[in-house]
Amino acid sequence: VLPVFREEGFGDKFLRKTRENPLVPLGCL
């Protein structure tokens, strides 16, 4: 049984990446 991944939209991916490394968006701002 292979895991089923749901399609990740831009907003979901952005939030996930921001939670993983919050200093990058802060530095961009």
PDB file of all heavy atoms in Angstrom:
ATOM      1  N   VAL A   1       0.862  -1.182   0.000  1.00  0.00           N
ATOM      2  CA  VAL A   1       0.000   0.000   0.000  1.00  0.00           C
ATOM      3  C   VAL A   1       0.896   1.229   0.000  1.00  0.00           C
ATOM      4  O   VAL A   1       1.667   1.450   0.926  1.00  0.00           O
ATOM      5  CB  VAL A   1      -0.932   0.007   1.225  1.00  0.00           C
ATOM      6  CG1 VAL A   1      -1.808   1.244   1.221  1.00  0.00           C
ATOM      7  CG2 VAL A   1      -1.769  -1.258   1.257  1.00  0.00           C
ATOM      8  N   LEU A   2       0.816   2.005  -1.054  1.00  0.00           N
ATOM      9  CA  LEU A   2       1.604   3.219  -1.157  1.00  0.00           C
ATOM     10  C   LEU A   2       0.843   4.383  -0.549  1.00  0.00           C
ATOM     11  O   LEU A   2      -0.388   4.452  -0.654  1.00  0.00           O
ATOM     12  CB  LEU A   2       1.923   3.520  -2.626  1.00  0.00           C
ATOM     13  CG  LEU A   2       2.774   2.488  -3.346  1.00  0.00           C
ATOM     14  CD1 LEU A   2       2.885   2.854  -4.823  1.00  0.00           C
ATOM     15  CD2 LEU A   2       4.140   2.387  -2.722  1.00  0.00           C
ATOM     16  N   PRO A   3       1.559   5.309   0.105  1.00  0.00           N
ATOM     17  CA  PRO A   3       0.853   6.465   0.671  1.00  0.00           C
ATOM     18  C   PRO A   3       0.297   7.344  -0.438  1.00  0.00           C
ATOM     19  O   PRO A   3       0.891   7.480  -1.508  1.00  0.00           O
ATOM     20  CB  PRO A   3       1.938   7.195   1.468  1.00  0.00           C
ATOM     21  CG  PRO A   3       3.226   6.754   0.879  1.00  0.00           C
ATOM     22  CD  PRO A   3       2.997   5.364   0.353  1.00  0.00           C
ATOM     23  N   VAL A   4      -0.825   7.940  -0.164  1.00  0.00           N
ATOM     24  CA  VAL A   4      -1.471   8.825  -1.133  1.00  0.00           C
ATOM     25  C   VAL A   4      -1.238  10.256  -0.661  1.00  0.00           C
ATOM     26  O   VAL A   4      -1.574  10.612   0.463  1.00  0.00           O
ATOM     27  CB  VAL A   4      -2.984   8.533  -1.226  1.00  0.00           C
ATOM     28  CG1 VAL A   4      -3.664   9.504  -2.179  1.00  0.00           C
ATOM     29  CG2 VAL A   4      -3.215   7.099  -1.656  1.00  0.00           C
ATOM     30  N   PHE A   5      -0.621  11.044  -1.520  1.00  0.00           N
ATOM     31  CA  PHE A   5      -0.366  12.438  -1.203  1.00  0.00           C
ATOM     32  C   PHE A   5      -1.397  13.295  -1.908  1.00  0.00           C
ATOM     33  O   PHE A   5      -1.715  13.075  -3.068  1.00  0.00           O
ATOM     34  CB  PHE A   5       1.038  12.858  -1.650  1.00  0.00           C
ATOM     35  CG  PHE A   5       2.130  12.119  -0.933  1.00  0.00           C
ATOM     36  CD1 PHE A   5       2.834  11.104  -1.554  1.00  0.00           C
ATOM     37  CD2 PHE A   5       2.442  12.438   0.375  1.00  0.00           C
ATOM     38  CE1 PHE A   5       3.835  10.431  -0.899  1.00  0.00           C
ATOM     39  CE2 PHE A   5       3.441  11.768   1.048  1.00  0.00           C
ATOM     40  CZ  PHE A   5       4.148  10.765   0.411  1.00  0.00           C
ATOM     41  N   ARG A   6      -1.885  14.287  -1.198  1.00  0.00           N
ATOM     42  CA  ARG A   6      -2.839  15.185  -1.835  1.00  0.00           C
ATOM     43  C   ARG A   6      -2.073  16.270  -2.572  1.00  0.00           C
ATOM     44  O   ARG A   6      -0.930  16.569  -2.260  1.00  0.00           O
ATOM     45  CB  ARG A   6      -3.787  15.797  -0.815  1.00  0.00           C
ATOM     46  CG  ARG A   6      -3.136  16.733   0.174  1.00  0.00           C
ATOM     47  CD  ARG A   6      -4.192  17.309   1.117  1.00  0.00           C
ATOM     48  NE  ARG A   6      -3.584  18.213   2.051  1.00  0.00           N
ATOM     49  CZ  ARG A   6      -3.385  19.507   1.830  1.00  0.00           C
ATOM     50  NH1 ARG A   6      -3.778  20.048   0.708  1.00  0.00           N
ATOM     51  NH2 ARG A   6      -2.812  20.272   2.731  1.00  0.00           N
ATOM     52  N   GLU A   7      -2.697  16.819  -3.554  1.00  0.00           N
ATOM     53  CA  GLU A   7      -2.079  17.887  -4.338  1.00  0.00           C
ATOM     54  C   GLU A   7      -1.910  19.118  -3.451  1.00  0.00           C
ATOM     55  O   GLU A   7      -2.859  19.563  -2.812  1.00  0.00           O
ATOM     56  CB  GLU A   7      -2.948  18.209  -5.551  1.00  0.00           C
ATOM     57  CG  GLU A   7      -2.305  19.106  -6.562  1.00  0.00           C
ATOM     58  CD  GLU A   7      -1.131  18.464  -7.273  1.00  0.00           C
ATOM     59  OE1 GLU A   7      -1.126  17.231  -7.450  1.00  0.00           O
ATOM     60  OE2 GLU A   7      -0.211  19.200  -7.643  1.00  0.00           O
ATOM     61  N   GLU A   8      -0.692  19.650  -3.407  1.00  0.00           N
ATOM     62  CA  GLU A   8      -0.401  20.793  -2.549  1.00  0.00           C
ATOM     63  C   GLU A   8      -0.415  22.056  -3.389  1.00  0.00           C
ATOM     64  O   GLU A   8       0.325  22.176  -4.368  1.00  0.00           O
ATOM     65  CB  GLU A   8       0.975  20.590  -1.904  1.00  0.00           C
ATOM     66  CG  GLU A   8       1.342  21.631  -0.891  1.00  0.00           C
ATOM     67  CD  GLU A   8       2.678  21.336  -0.237  1.00  0.00           C
ATOM     68  OE1 GLU A   8       3.602  20.865  -0.928  1.00  0.00           O
ATOM     69  OE2 GLU A   8       2.793  21.574   0.960  1.00  0.00           O
ATOM     70  N   GLY A   9      -1.260  22.989  -3.019  1.00  0.00           N
ATOM     71  CA  GLY A   9      -1.354  24.247  -3.749  1.00  0.00           C
ATOM     72  C   GLY A   9      -0.254  25.214  -3.341  1.00  0.00           C
ATOM     73  O   GLY A   9       0.541  24.954  -2.435  1.00  0.00           O
ATOM     74  N   PHE A  10      -0.213  26.358  -4.010  1.00  0.00           N
ATOM     75  CA  PHE A  10       0.819  27.356  -3.733  1.00  0.00           C
ATOM     76  C   PHE A  10       0.741  27.857  -2.299  1.00  0.00           C
ATOM     77  O   PHE A  10       1.749  27.953  -1.607  1.00  0.00           O
ATOM     78  CB  PHE A  10       0.703  28.531  -4.710  1.00  0.00           C
ATOM     79  CG  PHE A  10       1.671  29.642  -4.407  1.00  0.00           C
ATOM     80  CD1 PHE A  10       3.002  29.519  -4.762  1.00  0.00           C
ATOM     81  CD2 PHE A  10       1.257  30.789  -3.753  1.00  0.00           C
ATOM     82  CE1 PHE A  10       3.907  30.541  -4.475  1.00  0.00           C
ATOM     83  CE2 PHE A  10       2.138  31.809  -3.456  1.00  0.00           C
ATOM     84  CZ  PHE A  10       3.471  31.688  -3.817  1.00  0.00           C
ATOM     85  N   GLY A  11      -0.464  28.176  -1.843  1.00  0.00           N
ATOM     86  CA  GLY A  11      -0.629  28.702  -0.485  1.00  0.00           C
ATOM     87  C   GLY A  11      -0.223  27.698   0.578  1.00  0.00           C
ATOM     88  O   GLY A  11       0.448  28.051   1.557  1.00  0.00           O
ATOM     89  N   ASP A  12      -0.621  26.440   0.391  1.00  0.00           N
ATOM     90  CA  ASP A  12      -0.252  25.400   1.353  1.00  0.00           C
ATOM     91  C   ASP A  12       1.257  25.197   1.388  1.00  0.00           C
ATOM     92  O   ASP A  12       1.856  25.059   2.456  1.00  0.00           O
ATOM     93  CB  ASP A  12      -0.932  24.069   1.001  1.00  0.00           C
ATOM     94  CG  ASP A  12      -2.439  24.137   1.129  1.00  0.00           C
ATOM     95  OD1 ASP A  12      -2.926  24.949   1.946  1.00  0.00           O
ATOM     96  OD2 ASP A  12      -3.125  23.389   0.411  1.00  0.00           O
ATOM     97  N   LYS A  13       1.872  25.185   0.229  1.00  0.00           N
ATOM     98  CA  LYS A  13       3.325  24.995   0.161  1.00  0.00           C
ATOM     99  C   LYS A  13       4.053  26.180   0.788  1.00  0.00           C
ATOM    100  O   LYS A  13       5.032  26.010   1.512  1.00  0.00           O
ATOM    101  CB  LYS A  13       3.763  24.807  -1.291  1.00  0.00           C
ATOM    102  CG  LYS A  13       5.225  24.479  -1.428  1.00  0.00           C
ATOM    103  CD  LYS A  13       5.584  24.158  -2.856  1.00  0.00           C
ATOM    104  CE  LYS A  13       7.036  23.757  -2.970  1.00  0.00           C
ATOM    105  NZ  LYS A  13       7.407  23.393  -4.330  1.00  0.00           N
ATOM    106  N   PHE A  14       3.559  27.398   0.519  1.00  0.00           N
ATOM    107  CA  PHE A  14       4.176  28.592   1.097  1.00  0.00           C
ATOM    108  C   PHE A  14       4.109  28.554   2.617  1.00  0.00           C
ATOM    109  O   PHE A  14       5.101  28.836   3.298  1.00  0.00           O
ATOM    110  CB  PHE A  14       3.488  29.854   0.558  1.00  0.00           C
ATOM    111  CG  PHE A  14       4.053  31.125   1.117  1.00  0.00           C
ATOM    112  CD1 PHE A  14       5.260  31.616   0.642  1.00  0.00           C
ATOM    113  CD2 PHE A  14       3.391  31.813   2.107  1.00  0.00           C
ATOM    114  CE1 PHE A  14       5.795  32.788   1.157  1.00  0.00           C
ATOM    115  CE2 PHE A  14       3.915  32.986   2.638  1.00  0.00           C
ATOM    116  CZ  PHE A  14       5.117  33.475   2.159  1.00  0.00           C
ATOM    117  N   LEU A  15       2.947  28.205   3.155  1.00  0.00           N
ATOM    118  CA  LEU A  15       2.816  28.130   4.616  1.00  0.00           C
ATOM    119  C   LEU A  15       3.704  27.043   5.207  1.00  0.00           C
ATOM    120  O   LEU A  15       4.323  27.237   6.259  1.00  0.00           O
ATOM    121  CB  LEU A  15       1.353  27.893   5.000  1.00  0.00           C
ATOM    122  CG  LEU A  15       0.419  29.075   4.779  1.00  0.00           C
ATOM    123  CD1 LEU A  15      -1.024  28.676   5.080  1.00  0.00           C
ATOM    124  CD2 LEU A  15       0.831  30.248   5.638  1.00  0.00           C
ATOM    125  N   ARG A  16       3.793  25.903   4.548  1.00  0.00           N
ATOM    126  CA  ARG A  16       4.637  24.809   5.044  1.00  0.00           C
ATOM    127  C   ARG A  16       6.107  25.226   5.048  1.00  0.00           C
ATOM    128  O   ARG A  16       6.816  25.036   6.034  1.00  0.00           O
ATOM    129  CB  ARG A  16       4.440  23.561   4.191  1.00  0.00           C
ATOM    130  CG  ARG A  16       5.296  22.374   4.639  1.00  0.00           C
ATOM    131  CD  ARG A  16       5.007  21.132   3.815  1.00  0.00           C
ATOM    132  NE  ARG A  16       5.174  21.309   2.382  1.00  0.00           N
ATOM    133  CZ  ARG A  16       6.345  21.201   1.749  1.00  0.00           C
ATOM    134  NH1 ARG A  16       7.439  20.920   2.399  1.00  0.00           N
ATOM    135  NH2 ARG A  16       6.391  21.362   0.439  1.00  0.00           N
ATOM    136  N   LYS A  17       6.547  25.831   3.963  1.00  0.00           N
ATOM    137  CA  LYS A  17       7.941  26.271   3.878  1.00  0.00           C
ATOM    138  C   LYS A  17       8.235  27.388   4.875  1.00  0.00           C
ATOM    139  O   LYS A  17       9.328  27.459   5.432  1.00  0.00           O
ATOM    140  CB  LYS A  17       8.270  26.751   2.461  1.00  0.00           C
ATOM    141  CG  LYS A  17       8.240  25.667   1.415  1.00  0.00           C
ATOM    142  CD  LYS A  17       9.446  24.790   1.541  1.00  0.00           C
ATOM    143  CE  LYS A  17       9.537  23.834   0.376  1.00  0.00           C
ATOM    144  NZ  LYS A  17      10.712  22.989   0.454  1.00  0.00           N
ATOM    145  N   THR A  18       7.259  28.272   5.105  1.00  0.00           N
ATOM    146  CA  THR A  18       7.449  29.344   6.082  1.00  0.00           C
ATOM    147  C   THR A  18       7.572  28.783   7.490  1.00  0.00           C
ATOM    148  O   THR A  18       8.385  29.265   8.286  1.00  0.00           O
ATOM    149  CB  THR A  18       6.287  30.347   6.001  1.00  0.00           C
ATOM    150  OG1 THR A  18       6.237  30.872   4.675  1.00  0.00           O
ATOM    151  CG2 THR A  18       6.456  31.480   6.978  1.00  0.00           C
ATOM    152  N   ARG A  19       6.786  27.758   7.796  1.00  0.00           N
ATOM    153  CA  ARG A  19       6.901  27.130   9.118  1.00  0.00           C
ATOM    154  C   ARG A  19       8.233  26.402   9.275  1.00  0.00           C
ATOM    155  O   ARG A  19       8.790  26.362  10.364  1.00  0.00           O
ATOM    156  CB  ARG A  19       5.751  26.157   9.339  1.00  0.00           C
ATOM    157  CG  ARG A  19       4.443  26.844   9.603  1.00  0.00           C
ATOM    158  CD  ARG A  19       3.356  25.847   9.974  1.00  0.00           C
ATOM    159  NE  ARG A  19       2.059  26.429   9.765  1.00  0.00           N
ATOM    160  CZ  ARG A  19       1.219  26.106   8.790  1.00  0.00           C
ATOM    161  NH1 ARG A  19       1.523  25.152   7.946  1.00  0.00           N
ATOM    162  NH2 ARG A  19       0.069  26.711   8.667  1.00  0.00           N
ATOM    163  N   GLU A  20       8.728  25.805   8.193  1.00  0.00           N
ATOM    164  CA  GLU A  20      10.002  25.088   8.253  1.00  0.00           C
ATOM    165  C   GLU A  20      11.169  26.044   8.468  1.00  0.00           C
ATOM    166  O   GLU A  20      12.104  25.722   9.188  1.00  0.00           O
ATOM    167  CB  GLU A  20      10.233  24.293   6.969  1.00  0.00           C
ATOM    168  CG  GLU A  20       9.356  23.083   6.826  1.00  0.00           C
ATOM    169  CD  GLU A  20       9.530  22.401   5.482  1.00  0.00           C
ATOM    170  OE1 GLU A  20      10.394  22.826   4.675  1.00  0.00           O
ATOM    171  OE2 GLU A  20       8.797  21.434   5.216  1.00  0.00           O
ATOM    172  N   ASN A  21      11.162  27.197   7.812  1.00  0.00           N
ATOM    173  CA  ASN A  21      12.253  28.151   7.916  1.00  0.00           C
ATOM    174  C   ASN A  21      11.689  29.568   7.922  1.00  0.00           C
ATOM    175  O   ASN A  21      11.640  30.235   6.885  1.00  0.00           O
ATOM    176  CB  ASN A  21      13.229  27.955   6.747  1.00  0.00           C
ATOM    177  CG  ASN A  21      14.533  28.675   6.970  1.00  0.00           C
ATOM    178  OD1 ASN A  21      14.721  29.342   7.969  1.00  0.00           O
ATOM    179  ND2 ASN A  21      15.440  28.547   6.025  1.00  0.00           N
ATOM    180  N   PRO A  22      11.272  30.070   9.088  1.00  0.00           N
ATOM    181  CA  PRO A  22      10.609  31.381   9.141  1.00  0.00           C
ATOM    182  C   PRO A  22      11.550  32.562   8.908  1.00  0.00           C
ATOM    183  O   PRO A  22      11.087  33.666   8.657  1.00  0.00           O
ATOM    184  CB  PRO A  22      10.020  31.417  10.552  1.00  0.00           C
ATOM    185  CG  PRO A  22      10.857  30.492  11.344  1.00  0.00           C
ATOM    186  CD  PRO A  22      11.310  29.418  10.402  1.00  0.00           C
ATOM    187  N   LEU A  23      12.857  32.358   8.958  1.00  0.00           N
ATOM    188  CA  LEU A  23      13.772  33.483   8.794  1.00  0.00           C
ATOM    189  C   LEU A  23      13.863  33.967   7.349  1.00  0.00           C
ATOM    190  O   LEU A  23      14.160  35.141   7.106  1.00  0.00           O
ATOM    191  CB  LEU A  23      15.168  33.101   9.294  1.00  0.00           C
ATOM    192  CG  LEU A  23      15.276  32.833  10.790  1.00  0.00           C
ATOM    193  CD1 LEU A  23      16.690  32.428  11.142  1.00  0.00           C
ATOM    194  CD2 LEU A  23      14.850  34.044  11.589  1.00  0.00           C
ATOM    195  N   VAL A  24      13.607  33.104   6.386  1.00  0.00           N
ATOM    196  CA  VAL A  24      13.716  33.515   4.979  1.00  0.00           C
ATOM    197  C   VAL A  24      12.626  34.526   4.606  1.00  0.00           C
ATOM    198  O   VAL A  24      12.949  35.596   4.074  1.00  0.00           O
ATOM    199  CB  VAL A  24      13.719  32.288   4.042  1.00  0.00           C
ATOM    200  CG1 VAL A  24      13.651  32.712   2.586  1.00  0.00           C
ATOM    201  CG2 VAL A  24      14.954  31.439   4.284  1.00  0.00           C
ATOM    202  N   PRO A  25      11.344  34.260   4.857  1.00  0.00           N
ATOM    203  CA  PRO A  25      10.345  35.288   4.529  1.00  0.00           C
ATOM    204  C   PRO A  25      10.538  36.576   5.341  1.00  0.00           C
ATOM    205  O   PRO A  25      10.329  37.669   4.824  1.00  0.00           O
ATOM    206  CB  PRO A  25       9.003  34.641   4.885  1.00  0.00           C
ATOM    207  CG  PRO A  25       9.268  33.200   4.939  1.00  0.00           C
ATOM    208  CD  PRO A  25      10.697  33.031   5.301  1.00  0.00           C
ATOM    209  N   LEU A  26      10.994  36.434   6.581  1.00  0.00           N
ATOM    210  CA  LEU A  26      11.257  37.617   7.399  1.00  0.00           C
ATOM    211  C   LEU A  26      12.391  38.438   6.787  1.00  0.00           C
ATOM    212  O   LEU A  26      12.318  39.669   6.715  1.00  0.00           O
ATOM    213  CB  LEU A  26      11.613  37.194   8.824  1.00  0.00           C
ATOM    214  CG  LEU A  26      11.810  38.302   9.835  1.00  0.00           C
ATOM    215  CD1 LEU A  26      10.511  39.055  10.041  1.00  0.00           C
ATOM    216  CD2 LEU A  26      12.302  37.723  11.145  1.00  0.00           C
ATOM    217  N   GLY A  27      13.435  37.768   6.321  1.00  0.00           N
ATOM    218  CA  GLY A  27      14.541  38.462   5.670  1.00  0.00           C
ATOM    219  C   GLY A  27      14.112  39.131   4.374  1.00  0.00           C
ATOM    220  O   GLY A  27      14.573  40.236   4.050  1.00  0.00           O
ATOM    221  N   CYS A  28      13.236  38.453   3.625  1.00  0.00           N
ATOM    222  CA  CYS A  28      12.719  39.047   2.378  1.00  0.00           C
ATOM    223  C   CYS A  28      11.929  40.316   2.672  1.00  0.00           C
ATOM    224  O   CYS A  28      12.089  41.334   1.984  1.00  0.00           O
ATOM    225  CB  CYS A  28      11.860  38.050   1.624  1.00  0.00           C
ATOM    226  SG  CYS A  28      12.782  36.688   0.911  1.00  0.00           S
ATOM    227  N   LEU A  29      11.089  40.273   3.689  1.00  0.00           N
ATOM    228  CA  LEU A  29      10.310  41.461   4.061  1.00  0.00           C
ATOM    229  C   LEU A  29      11.225  42.592   4.520  1.00  0.00           C
ATOM    230  O   LEU A  29      11.007  43.761   4.178  1.00  0.00           O
ATOM    231  CB  LEU A  29       9.303  41.118   5.157  1.00  0.00           C
ATOM    232  CG  LEU A  29       8.095  40.307   4.722  1.00  0.00           C
ATOM    233  CD1 LEU A  29       7.259  39.909   5.932  1.00  0.00           C
ATOM    234  CD2 LEU A  29       7.252  41.087   3.734  1.00  0.00           C
TER     235      LEU A  29
END
